[in-house]
């Protein structure tokens, strides 16, 4: 009981730190994008996503290096990708305007979402046919493809944002902080958030085990949700200050970054290609995430004008997510 109490306190403290620093991270990330002339989409894809995906990175490394559990590493990544798209529905619920969230998102997010679908399709092939491309040493060649498409995605989105920024009017805002101050404050909050985010799965796993949920479907779901908490906090904070594209860029960027993490996990797991040791059941969240990402793309293109609590697209994302989890629970 003592351990449960300490883990609960630790979990709450880590959560409070993430909420506080995540809000500040969105604020300084928004300022940094304006000062550097970067697009909000690219900022969300690169800097924000790499920071908020730190729990998935550390969980993956721990699973393959310490626990010798490659299936756990893959499950955490694909589960996180699915939950990340659900965050779009959560953001739409908290969005203050009457218009749906996706109706005010710039069309460029379709590029990042499409790369996410491409990468998830490769993951699906890797799960179903892990030996299709062979290996380089112990590393599956699918992982090489993950890294190539990740780098291509970064390059394409950077060029798109650069082109879009050239078409926009130059901003003549005056800032109370210098660029150096903003960079330092962003870096400080990023380091603090990453530290708290890396502790969150540790406390979450201990709480799930102590409450006898550890080996259950609900325990797994709780841990997956806890690793995605930084994305939730940063994204909601971003929409609160009106930077919709930063928030959505963070979501799609995190999913692209997550697949790159799978490649790193495969490199670190020296017993063979990681997908040779992966349960075929992981195909369910992979295909489900492809579907809900496609629904998000439709919402961005169609731009529904009205909503009740949730827009049609974000409501469908939530429904498909629940159905996907139900199917996964049935299969387990």
Protein backbone atom coordinates (compact mmCIF):
# COMPACT_ATOMS: atom_id res chain seq x y z
CA UNK A 1 0.00 0.00 0.00
CA UNK A 2 2.95 2.26 0.78
CA UNK A 3 4.34 1.70 -2.72
CA UNK A 4 0.93 2.36 -4.30
CA UNK A 5 0.70 5.63 -2.38
CA UNK A 6 4.18 6.76 -3.46
CA UNK A 7 3.56 5.79 -7.09
CA UNK A 8 0.25 7.69 -7.04
CA UNK A 9 1.97 10.81 -5.70
CA UNK A 10 4.74 10.45 -8.26
CA UNK A 11 2.22 10.03 -11.10
CA UNK A 12 0.27 13.12 -10.00
CA UNK A 13 3.42 15.23 -9.64
CA UNK A 14 4.67 14.15 -13.10
CA UNK A 15 1.24 14.94 -14.55
CA UNK A 16 1.18 18.39 -12.91
CA UNK A 17 4.66 19.17 -14.29
CA UNK A 18 3.59 18.09 -17.78
CA UNK A 19 0.45 20.26 -17.63
CA UNK A 20 2.45 23.31 -16.49
CA UNK A 21 5.44 22.95 -18.82
CA UNK A 22 3.30 21.72 -21.73
CA UNK A 23 1.28 24.95 -21.67
CA UNK A 24 4.47 27.02 -21.64
CA UNK A 25 6.00 24.88 -24.37
CA UNK A 26 3.07 25.69 -26.67
CA UNK A 27 3.43 29.40 -25.91
CA UNK A 28 7.17 29.56 -26.58
CA UNK A 29 6.90 27.17 -29.54
CA UNK A 30 4.38 29.55 -31.11
CA UNK A 31 6.70 32.52 -30.52
CA UNK A 32 9.70 30.61 -31.82
CA UNK A 33 7.91 29.68 -35.05
CA UNK A 34 7.01 33.35 -35.64
CA UNK A 35 10.49 34.67 -34.84
CA UNK A 36 12.30 32.11 -37.01
CA UNK A 37 9.79 32.39 -39.83
CA UNK A 38 8.94 28.71 -39.57
CA UNK A 39 5.43 27.47 -40.27
CA UNK A 40 3.39 26.30 -37.28
CA UNK A 41 2.88 22.96 -39.02
CA UNK A 42 6.62 22.34 -39.37
CA UNK A 43 7.24 23.50 -35.79
CA UNK A 44 4.64 21.02 -34.53
CA UNK A 45 6.06 18.23 -36.68
CA UNK A 46 9.70 18.60 -35.67
CA UNK A 47 10.31 20.27 -32.32
CA UNK A 48 6.98 19.70 -30.56
CA UNK A 49 6.52 16.10 -31.73
CA UNK A 50 10.06 15.04 -30.80
CA UNK A 51 9.57 16.39 -27.27
CA UNK A 52 6.07 15.00 -26.64
CA UNK A 53 7.01 11.55 -28.03
CA UNK A 54 9.75 11.07 -25.43
CA UNK A 55 7.71 8.51 -23.35
CA UNK A 56 7.27 6.30 -26.42
CA UNK A 57 10.99 6.56 -27.16
CA UNK A 58 12.03 5.59 -23.63
CA UNK A 59 9.38 2.86 -23.37
CA UNK A 60 10.59 1.35 -26.64
CA UNK A 61 14.25 1.39 -25.61
CA UNK A 62 13.36 -0.12 -22.22
CA UNK A 63 11.22 -2.83 -23.84
CA UNK A 64 13.88 -4.05 -26.31
CA UNK A 65 17.08 -3.45 -24.31
CA UNK A 66 16.07 -4.24 -20.71
CA UNK A 67 12.86 -6.31 -20.84
CA UNK A 68 13.60 -8.25 -24.06
CA UNK A 69 9.98 -7.57 -25.08
CA UNK A 70 9.87 -6.43 -28.73
CA UNK A 71 6.13 -7.12 -28.93
CA UNK A 72 5.58 -4.62 -26.10
CA UNK A 73 7.62 -1.99 -27.96
CA UNK A 74 5.55 -2.39 -31.15
CA UNK A 75 2.28 -2.46 -29.20
CA UNK A 76 3.13 0.77 -27.36
CA UNK A 77 3.93 2.59 -30.62
CA UNK A 78 0.87 1.49 -32.61
CA UNK A 79 -1.39 2.10 -29.60
CA UNK A 80 0.08 5.56 -29.15
CA UNK A 81 -0.46 6.37 -32.85
CA UNK A 82 -4.13 5.45 -32.53
CA UNK A 83 -4.59 7.50 -29.35
CA UNK A 84 -2.82 10.48 -30.93
CA UNK A 85 -5.47 10.72 -33.66
CA UNK A 86 -8.16 10.45 -30.98
CA UNK A 87 -6.62 13.60 -29.47
CA UNK A 88 -8.01 15.50 -32.50
CA UNK A 89 -11.50 14.61 -31.19
CA UNK A 90 -10.49 15.68 -27.68
CA UNK A 91 -9.18 19.00 -29.04
CA UNK A 92 -12.37 19.56 -31.04
CA UNK A 93 -14.40 19.05 -27.84
CA UNK A 94 -12.35 21.72 -26.02
CA UNK A 95 -12.16 24.08 -28.98
CA UNK A 96 -13.93 27.31 -28.00
CA UNK A 97 -15.23 28.39 -31.39
CA UNK A 98 -18.45 27.18 -32.95
CA UNK A 99 -16.59 26.00 -36.03
CA UNK A 100 -15.11 22.49 -36.06
CA UNK A 101 -11.38 22.26 -35.36
CA UNK A 102 -10.51 20.68 -38.71
CA UNK A 103 -12.34 23.45 -40.61
CA UNK A 104 -9.69 26.00 -39.54
CA UNK A 105 -6.66 23.74 -40.07
CA UNK A 106 -4.49 24.53 -43.06
CA UNK A 107 -4.61 21.99 -45.93
CA UNK A 108 -0.86 21.33 -45.58
CA UNK A 109 -1.57 18.95 -42.69
CA UNK A 110 -2.80 16.51 -45.33
CA UNK A 111 0.85 16.02 -46.33
CA UNK A 112 1.91 14.95 -42.82
CA UNK A 113 -1.23 12.82 -42.38
CA UNK A 114 -0.60 11.11 -45.74
CA UNK A 115 3.00 10.32 -44.81
CA UNK A 116 1.62 8.89 -41.57
CA UNK A 117 -0.69 6.60 -43.56
CA UNK A 118 2.19 5.51 -45.82
CA UNK A 119 4.34 4.65 -42.80
CA UNK A 120 1.47 2.81 -41.10
CA UNK A 121 0.90 0.79 -44.28
CA UNK A 122 4.57 -0.21 -44.17
CA UNK A 123 4.13 -1.22 -40.52
CA UNK A 124 1.12 -3.35 -41.52
CA UNK A 125 3.19 -5.10 -44.20
CA UNK A 126 6.03 -5.59 -41.70
CA UNK A 127 3.66 -7.23 -39.19
CA UNK A 128 2.11 -9.53 -41.82
CA UNK A 129 5.31 -10.26 -43.80
CA UNK A 130 8.31 -9.52 -41.54
CA UNK A 131 10.80 -11.36 -43.79
CA UNK A 132 9.62 -9.93 -47.11
CA UNK A 133 12.59 -7.56 -47.63
CA UNK A 134 15.19 -9.50 -45.65
CA UNK A 135 17.68 -8.00 -43.22
CA UNK A 136 20.86 -5.97 -43.01
CA UNK A 137 22.78 -7.64 -40.17
CA UNK A 138 19.99 -8.07 -37.57
CA UNK A 139 17.98 -5.03 -38.73
CA UNK A 140 14.86 -5.53 -40.82
CA UNK A 141 14.87 -3.60 -44.08
CA UNK A 142 11.38 -2.30 -43.26
CA UNK A 143 13.06 -0.19 -40.58
CA UNK A 144 15.36 1.34 -43.19
CA UNK A 145 12.25 2.29 -45.17
CA UNK A 146 10.72 3.85 -42.03
CA UNK A 147 13.75 6.12 -41.62
CA UNK A 148 13.87 7.05 -45.31
CA UNK A 149 10.19 8.03 -45.40
CA UNK A 150 10.56 9.93 -42.11
CA UNK A 151 13.39 12.04 -43.53
CA UNK A 152 11.50 12.57 -46.80
CA UNK A 153 8.43 13.68 -44.82
CA UNK A 154 10.46 16.26 -42.88
CA UNK A 155 11.98 17.61 -46.07
CA UNK A 156 8.69 17.82 -47.98
CA UNK A 157 6.83 19.52 -45.12
CA UNK A 158 9.69 21.98 -44.57
CA UNK A 159 9.62 22.96 -48.27
CA UNK A 160 5.82 23.26 -48.22
CA UNK A 161 5.84 25.49 -45.13
CA UNK A 162 8.65 27.60 -46.59
CA UNK A 163 6.67 28.10 -49.80
CA UNK A 164 3.52 28.99 -47.85
CA UNK A 165 5.41 31.47 -45.67
CA UNK A 166 6.67 33.26 -48.79
CA UNK A 167 3.06 33.79 -49.87
CA UNK A 168 2.00 35.19 -46.51
CA UNK A 169 2.53 38.80 -45.56
CA UNK A 170 5.64 39.40 -43.50
CA UNK A 171 4.83 39.70 -39.82
CA UNK A 172 5.73 42.96 -38.15
CA UNK A 173 4.93 41.97 -34.60
CA UNK A 174 7.00 43.36 -31.78
CA UNK A 175 8.11 40.88 -29.16
CA UNK A 176 8.75 41.53 -25.49
CA UNK A 177 11.32 38.71 -25.45
CA UNK A 178 14.45 38.30 -27.56
CA UNK A 179 15.00 35.22 -29.73
CA UNK A 180 17.67 33.99 -27.32
CA UNK A 181 15.28 34.28 -24.37
CA UNK A 182 12.54 32.40 -26.21
CA UNK A 183 14.95 29.62 -27.27
CA UNK A 184 16.26 29.23 -23.71
CA UNK A 185 12.75 29.16 -22.21
CA UNK A 186 11.54 26.69 -24.83
CA UNK A 187 14.57 24.46 -24.22
CA UNK A 188 14.18 24.64 -20.42
CA UNK A 189 10.48 23.71 -20.53
CA UNK A 190 11.21 20.98 -23.10
CA UNK A 191 13.86 19.39 -20.86
CA UNK A 192 11.57 19.53 -17.79
CA UNK A 193 8.63 18.11 -19.76
CA UNK A 194 10.80 15.30 -21.19
CA UNK A 195 12.02 14.42 -17.70
CA UNK A 196 8.47 14.24 -16.33
CA UNK A 197 7.24 12.43 -19.46
CA UNK A 198 9.91 9.74 -19.08
CA UNK A 199 8.85 9.14 -15.45
CA UNK A 200 5.15 8.93 -16.30
CA UNK A 201 5.22 5.42 -17.87
CA UNK A 202 7.30 4.18 -14.90
CA UNK A 203 4.69 5.32 -12.37
CA UNK A 204 1.85 4.27 -14.70
CA UNK A 205 3.14 0.71 -15.03
CA UNK A 206 3.62 0.40 -11.27
CA UNK A 207 0.11 1.72 -10.61
CA UNK A 208 -1.39 -0.69 -13.15
CA UNK A 209 0.44 -3.62 -11.53
CA UNK A 210 -0.38 -2.55 -7.96
CA UNK A 211 -4.08 -2.20 -8.84
CA UNK A 212 -3.97 -5.65 -10.57
CA UNK A 213 -4.63 -4.13 -13.97
CA UNK A 214 -1.08 -4.61 -15.20
CA UNK A 215 -1.65 -7.67 -17.41
CA UNK A 216 -5.17 -6.72 -18.44
CA UNK A 217 -6.44 -4.92 -21.51
CA UNK A 218 -7.44 -1.94 -19.35
CA UNK A 219 -3.99 -1.79 -17.79
CA UNK A 220 -2.39 -1.67 -21.24
CA UNK A 221 -4.86 1.04 -22.30
CA UNK A 222 -4.07 3.09 -19.18
CA UNK A 223 -0.32 2.93 -19.85
CA UNK A 224 -0.80 3.84 -23.53
CA UNK A 225 -2.92 6.85 -22.53
CA UNK A 226 -0.35 7.96 -19.96
CA UNK A 227 2.46 7.94 -22.55
CA UNK A 228 0.31 10.17 -24.79
CA UNK A 229 -0.45 12.68 -22.02
CA UNK A 230 2.24 15.17 -23.24
CA UNK A 231 0.58 15.27 -26.69
CA UNK A 232 -2.82 15.87 -25.06
CA UNK A 233 -1.57 18.70 -22.82
CA UNK A 234 0.57 20.45 -25.45
CA UNK A 235 -2.15 20.20 -28.12
CA UNK A 236 -4.96 21.51 -25.89
CA UNK A 237 -2.68 24.31 -24.67
CA UNK A 238 -1.92 25.19 -28.30
CA UNK A 239 -5.59 25.51 -29.27
CA UNK A 240 -6.22 27.59 -26.14
CA UNK A 241 -3.79 30.22 -27.44
CA UNK A 242 -5.15 29.93 -30.97
CA UNK A 243 -2.33 28.05 -32.67
CA UNK A 244 -4.43 25.34 -34.29
CA UNK A 245 -1.79 24.37 -36.83
CA UNK A 246 0.83 23.90 -34.10
CA UNK A 247 -1.54 21.54 -32.26
CA UNK A 248 -2.53 19.45 -35.29
CA UNK A 249 1.07 19.46 -36.56
CA UNK A 250 2.12 18.02 -33.21
CA UNK A 251 -0.40 15.16 -33.57
CA UNK A 252 0.49 14.10 -37.10
CA UNK A 253 4.17 14.78 -36.43
CA UNK A 254 4.13 12.55 -33.34
CA UNK A 255 2.77 9.66 -35.39
CA UNK A 256 5.49 10.05 -38.03
CA UNK A 257 8.12 10.30 -35.28
CA UNK A 258 6.66 7.22 -33.55
CA UNK A 259 7.29 5.06 -36.62
CA UNK A 260 10.88 6.34 -36.70
CA UNK A 261 11.12 5.18 -33.06
CA UNK A 262 10.14 1.68 -34.25
CA UNK A 263 13.16 1.73 -36.54
CA UNK A 264 15.40 2.69 -33.60
CA UNK A 265 13.89 -0.11 -31.49
CA UNK A 266 14.67 -2.55 -34.30
CA UNK A 267 18.29 -1.34 -34.46
CA UNK A 268 18.69 -1.76 -30.70
CA UNK A 269 17.10 -5.24 -30.65
CA UNK A 270 20.00 -7.41 -31.79
CA UNK A 271 18.21 -10.79 -31.77
CA UNK A 272 16.68 -10.17 -35.19
CA UNK A 273 14.08 -8.00 -36.94
CA UNK A 274 11.65 -6.75 -34.30
CA UNK A 275 8.58 -7.66 -36.37
CA UNK A 276 9.50 -11.35 -36.33
CA UNK A 277 8.61 -11.29 -32.63
CA UNK A 278 5.42 -9.23 -32.97
CA UNK A 279 1.84 -10.42 -32.42
CA UNK A 280 -0.34 -10.26 -35.57
CA UNK A 281 -3.06 -8.69 -33.38
CA UNK A 282 -1.19 -5.38 -33.69
CA UNK A 283 -2.57 -5.16 -37.22
CA UNK A 284 -5.91 -4.08 -35.65
CA UNK A 285 -4.71 -0.73 -34.20
CA UNK A 286 -2.52 -0.17 -37.28
CA UNK A 287 -5.45 -0.50 -39.70
CA UNK A 288 -7.74 1.39 -37.32
CA UNK A 289 -5.27 4.29 -37.17
CA UNK A 290 -5.08 4.37 -40.97
CA UNK A 291 -8.90 4.67 -41.09
CA UNK A 292 -9.16 7.45 -38.50
CA UNK A 293 -6.26 9.35 -40.08
CA UNK A 294 -8.12 9.19 -43.41
CA UNK A 295 -11.24 10.52 -41.65
CA UNK A 296 -9.13 13.41 -40.32
CA UNK A 297 -7.92 14.17 -43.86
CA UNK A 298 -11.53 14.23 -45.10
CA UNK A 299 -12.42 16.67 -42.31
CA UNK A 300 -9.55 19.01 -43.23
CA UNK A 301 -10.54 18.97 -46.92
CA UNK A 302 -14.33 19.13 -46.49
CA UNK A 303 -14.26 21.79 -43.72
CA UNK A 304 -17.63 21.22 -42.07
CA UNK A 305 -19.08 24.55 -40.86
CA UNK A 306 -21.19 23.35 -37.92
CA UNK A 307 -20.83 21.02 -35.00
CA UNK A 308 -22.60 19.89 -31.84
CA UNK A 309 -19.95 19.23 -29.20
CA UNK A 310 -18.02 17.35 -31.91
CA UNK A 311 -17.98 17.71 -35.69
CA UNK A 312 -18.99 14.73 -37.81
CA UNK A 313 -15.38 13.84 -38.63
CA UNK A 314 -14.07 14.01 -35.06
CA UNK A 315 -17.14 12.11 -33.80
CA UNK A 316 -16.42 9.37 -36.35
CA UNK A 317 -12.79 9.27 -35.22
CA UNK A 318 -13.97 8.67 -31.63
CA UNK A 319 -16.48 5.99 -32.70
CA UNK A 320 -13.95 4.09 -34.84
CA UNK A 321 -11.39 4.30 -32.01
CA UNK A 322 -13.85 2.76 -29.53
CA UNK A 323 -14.79 0.01 -32.03
CA UNK A 324 -11.09 -0.66 -32.66
CA UNK A 325 -10.39 -1.01 -28.93
CA UNK A 326 -13.42 -3.28 -28.57
CA UNK A 327 -12.14 -5.54 -31.36
CA UNK A 328 -8.68 -5.59 -29.83
CA UNK A 329 -10.17 -6.56 -26.45
CA UNK A 330 -12.18 -9.35 -28.10
CA UNK A 331 -9.08 -10.69 -29.88
CA UNK A 332 -7.09 -10.72 -26.64
